[in-house]
Amino acid sequence: ERIHQGLGSIGVRLFDFGGAPSPANFLIYTIPPGSSEGVHLHNVVDRSLGAFDEYYYILEGTGVMPIDDRLVAVSPGDHVHTPMGVRHGIENRGPGTLRVFLTYINRASYDGRP
């Protein structure tokens, strides 16, 4: 599955909790070498990609995350928060599989107040 116009195909395992409503959503990406989740942006103005804060936890492998105008190297045990309004993605540049546990929190009702 191509995610956010990224390179190659990414395996996605979504934890849907049997359809029960939840404020947070969980999934696991399995990203082969050379594949990526494309760089994208979540915000409250254009909600076509959802209004989410995201938390990436690296389970296995190595990669890089474009975050705004910088590249952040990631490896097992790293965790990266990408708040709503920040351009981000993740790419596997390593020789093996990159596995990522992703938590995303729906901020659709966010009203701009802290």
C-alpha atoms as a PDB file:
ATOM      1  CA  GLU A   1       0.000   0.000   0.000  1.00  0.00           C
ATOM      2  CA  ARG A   2       1.382   3.419  -0.982  1.00  0.00           C
ATOM      3  CA  ILE A   3       0.974   5.818   1.905  1.00  0.00           C
ATOM      4  CA  HIS A   4       0.859   9.595   1.269  1.00  0.00           C
ATOM      5  CA  GLN A   5       2.403   9.152  -2.199  1.00  0.00           C
ATOM      6  CA  GLY A   6       5.491   7.489  -0.716  1.00  0.00           C
ATOM      7  CA  LEU A   7       7.857   5.157  -2.549  1.00  0.00           C
ATOM      8  CA  GLY A   8       7.059   1.458  -2.868  1.00  0.00           C
ATOM      9  CA  SER A   9       4.533  -0.436  -0.793  1.00  0.00           C
ATOM     10  CA  ILE A  10       4.210  -0.446   2.976  1.00  0.00           C
ATOM     11  CA  GLY A  11       2.508  -3.142   5.027  1.00  0.00           C
ATOM     12  CA  VAL A  12      -0.056  -1.666   7.423  1.00  0.00           C
ATOM     13  CA  ARG A  13      -1.618  -3.424  10.398  1.00  0.00           C
ATOM     14  CA  LEU A  14      -4.358  -1.270  11.910  1.00  0.00           C
ATOM     15  CA  PHE A  15      -5.611  -1.998  15.413  1.00  0.00           C
ATOM     16  CA  ASP A  16      -9.323  -1.165  15.189  1.00  0.00           C
ATOM     17  CA  PHE A  17     -10.359  -2.353  18.677  1.00  0.00           C
ATOM     18  CA  GLY A  18     -13.424  -4.010  17.220  1.00  0.00           C
ATOM     19  CA  GLY A  19     -14.792  -0.709  15.968  1.00  0.00           C
ATOM     20  CA  ALA A  20     -15.008   0.812  19.468  1.00  0.00           C
ATOM     21  CA  PRO A  21     -14.477   4.592  19.498  1.00  0.00           C
ATOM     22  CA  SER A  22     -11.118   5.716  20.796  1.00  0.00           C
ATOM     23  CA  PRO A  23      -9.274   9.048  20.916  1.00  0.00           C
ATOM     24  CA  ALA A  24      -6.057   7.379  19.767  1.00  0.00           C
ATOM     25  CA  ASN A  25      -5.435   5.028  16.862  1.00  0.00           C
ATOM     26  CA  PHE A  26      -2.619   2.498  16.547  1.00  0.00           C
ATOM     27  CA  LEU A  27      -0.959   0.845  13.589  1.00  0.00           C
ATOM     28  CA  ILE A  28       2.263  -0.884  12.638  1.00  0.00           C
ATOM     29  CA  TYR A  29       4.079  -0.037   9.421  1.00  0.00           C
ATOM     30  CA  THR A  30       6.314  -2.681   7.850  1.00  0.00           C
ATOM     31  CA  ILE A  31       8.514  -0.722   5.441  1.00  0.00           C
ATOM     32  CA  PRO A  32      10.808  -2.618   3.047  1.00  0.00           C
ATOM     33  CA  PRO A  33      14.182  -1.148   1.997  1.00  0.00           C
ATOM     34  CA  GLY A  34      13.758   1.796  -0.380  1.00  0.00           C
ATOM     35  CA  SER A  35      10.101   2.373   0.546  1.00  0.00           C
ATOM     36  CA  SER A  36       8.612   5.320   2.397  1.00  0.00           C
ATOM     37  CA  GLU A  37       5.592   7.007   3.825  1.00  0.00           C
ATOM     38  CA  GLY A  38       5.463  10.207   1.776  1.00  0.00           C
ATOM     39  CA  VAL A  39       6.015  13.589   3.374  1.00  0.00           C
ATOM     40  CA  HIS A  40       2.659  15.015   4.382  1.00  0.00           C
ATOM     41  CA  LEU A  41       0.954  17.472   6.716  1.00  0.00           C
ATOM     42  CA  HIS A  42      -2.029  17.176   9.045  1.00  0.00           C
ATOM     43  CA  ASN A  43      -3.810  20.375  10.015  1.00  0.00           C
ATOM     44  CA  VAL A  44      -7.168  21.778  11.095  1.00  0.00           C
ATOM     45  CA  VAL A  45      -7.653  23.962   8.011  1.00  0.00           C
ATOM     46  CA  ASP A  46      -7.292  21.301   5.290  1.00  0.00           C
ATOM     47  CA  ARG A  47      -8.516  18.106   6.910  1.00  0.00           C
ATOM     48  CA  SER A  48      -8.149  15.964   3.776  1.00  0.00           C
ATOM     49  CA  LEU A  49      -5.341  14.034   5.527  1.00  0.00           C
ATOM     50  CA  GLY A  50      -6.986  14.262   8.924  1.00  0.00           C
ATOM     51  CA  ALA A  51      -6.188  16.496  11.881  1.00  0.00           C
ATOM     52  CA  PHE A  52      -3.718  14.322  13.783  1.00  0.00           C
ATOM     53  CA  ASP A  53      -0.792  14.492  16.172  1.00  0.00           C
ATOM     54  CA  GLU A  54       1.418  11.455  15.495  1.00  0.00           C
ATOM     55  CA  TYR A  55       3.917   9.498  17.571  1.00  0.00           C
ATOM     56  CA  TYR A  56       6.357   7.156  15.797  1.00  0.00           C
ATOM     57  CA  TYR A  57       8.138   4.435  17.793  1.00  0.00           C
ATOM     58  CA  ILE A  58      10.836   2.487  15.920  1.00  0.00           C
ATOM     59  CA  LEU A  59      10.588  -1.246  16.607  1.00  0.00           C
ATOM     60  CA  GLU A  60      13.144  -2.596  14.111  1.00  0.00           C
ATOM     61  CA  GLY A  61      15.474  -1.348  11.390  1.00  0.00           C
ATOM     62  CA  THR A  62      16.834   2.082  10.508  1.00  0.00           C
ATOM     63  CA  GLY A  63      15.564   4.988   8.495  1.00  0.00           C
ATOM     64  CA  VAL A  64      15.217   8.726   8.207  1.00  0.00           C
ATOM     65  CA  MET A  65      12.331  11.041   8.915  1.00  0.00           C
ATOM     66  CA  PRO A  66      12.006  14.274   6.971  1.00  0.00           C
ATOM     67  CA  ILE A  67      10.551  16.681   9.542  1.00  0.00           C
ATOM     68  CA  ASP A  68       9.953  20.180   8.193  1.00  0.00           C
ATOM     69  CA  ASP A  69      13.359  21.182   6.776  1.00  0.00           C
ATOM     70  CA  ARG A  70      15.589  18.568   8.462  1.00  0.00           C
ATOM     71  CA  LEU A  71      16.297  14.837   8.272  1.00  0.00           C
ATOM     72  CA  VAL A  72      16.223  12.856  11.514  1.00  0.00           C
ATOM     73  CA  ALA A  73      17.924   9.437  11.608  1.00  0.00           C
ATOM     74  CA  VAL A  74      15.897   6.785  13.476  1.00  0.00           C
ATOM     75  CA  SER A  75      16.733   3.340  14.862  1.00  0.00           C
ATOM     76  CA  PRO A  76      15.151   0.857  17.303  1.00  0.00           C
ATOM     77  CA  GLY A  77      13.917   2.456  20.517  1.00  0.00           C
ATOM     78  CA  ASP A  78      13.664   5.958  19.047  1.00  0.00           C
ATOM     79  CA  HIS A  79      10.399   7.823  19.376  1.00  0.00           C
ATOM     80  CA  VAL A  80       9.446  10.924  17.410  1.00  0.00           C
ATOM     81  CA  HIS A  81       6.463  13.202  17.947  1.00  0.00           C
ATOM     82  CA  THR A  82       5.143  14.969  14.836  1.00  0.00           C
ATOM     83  CA  PRO A  83       2.528  17.463  15.981  1.00  0.00           C
ATOM     84  CA  MET A  84      -0.296  18.675  13.799  1.00  0.00           C
ATOM     85  CA  GLY A  85       0.987  21.348  11.396  1.00  0.00           C
ATOM     86  CA  VAL A  86       4.473  19.828  10.916  1.00  0.00           C
ATOM     87  CA  ARG A  87       5.444  18.261   7.546  1.00  0.00           C
ATOM     88  CA  HIS A  88       6.787  14.743   8.088  1.00  0.00           C
ATOM     89  CA  GLY A  89       7.249  11.238   6.694  1.00  0.00           C
ATOM     90  CA  ILE A  90       9.508   8.218   7.172  1.00  0.00           C
ATOM     91  CA  GLU A  91      11.790   6.329   4.780  1.00  0.00           C
ATOM     92  CA  ASN A  92      13.660   3.045   5.044  1.00  0.00           C
ATOM     93  CA  ARG A  93      17.211   3.636   3.843  1.00  0.00           C
ATOM     94  CA  GLY A  94      18.606   0.590   5.616  1.00  0.00           C
ATOM     95  CA  PRO A  95      19.303  -2.891   4.324  1.00  0.00           C
ATOM     96  CA  GLY A  96      16.522  -4.609   6.324  1.00  0.00           C
ATOM     97  CA  THR A  97      12.875  -4.089   7.161  1.00  0.00           C
ATOM     98  CA  LEU A  98      11.863  -0.971   9.107  1.00  0.00           C
ATOM     99  CA  ARG A  99       8.991  -1.612  11.544  1.00  0.00           C
ATOM    100  CA  VAL A 100       7.261   1.332  13.153  1.00  0.00           C
ATOM    101  CA  PHE A 101       4.534   1.496  15.788  1.00  0.00           C
ATOM    102  CA  LEU A 102       2.497   4.610  15.027  1.00  0.00           C
ATOM    103  CA  THR A 103      -0.002   6.260  17.357  1.00  0.00           C
ATOM    104  CA  TYR A 104      -2.145   9.012  15.897  1.00  0.00           C
ATOM    105  CA  ILE A 105      -4.533  11.130  17.880  1.00  0.00           C
ATOM    106  CA  ASN A 106      -7.535  12.655  16.146  1.00  0.00           C
ATOM    107  CA  ARG A 107      -7.663  16.397  16.767  1.00  0.00           C
ATOM    108  CA  ALA A 108     -10.720  16.987  14.534  1.00  0.00           C
ATOM    109  CA  SER A 109     -12.444  18.833  17.350  1.00  0.00           C
ATOM    110  CA  TYR A 110      -9.359  20.963  18.086  1.00  0.00           C
ATOM    111  CA  ASP A 111     -10.360  24.594  18.501  1.00  0.00           C
ATOM    112  CA  GLY A 112      -6.886  26.166  18.625  1.00  0.00           C
ATOM    113  CA  ARG A 113      -6.750  26.594  22.399  1.00  0.00           C
ATOM    114  CA  PRO A 114      -3.952  24.960  24.421  1.00  0.00           C
END
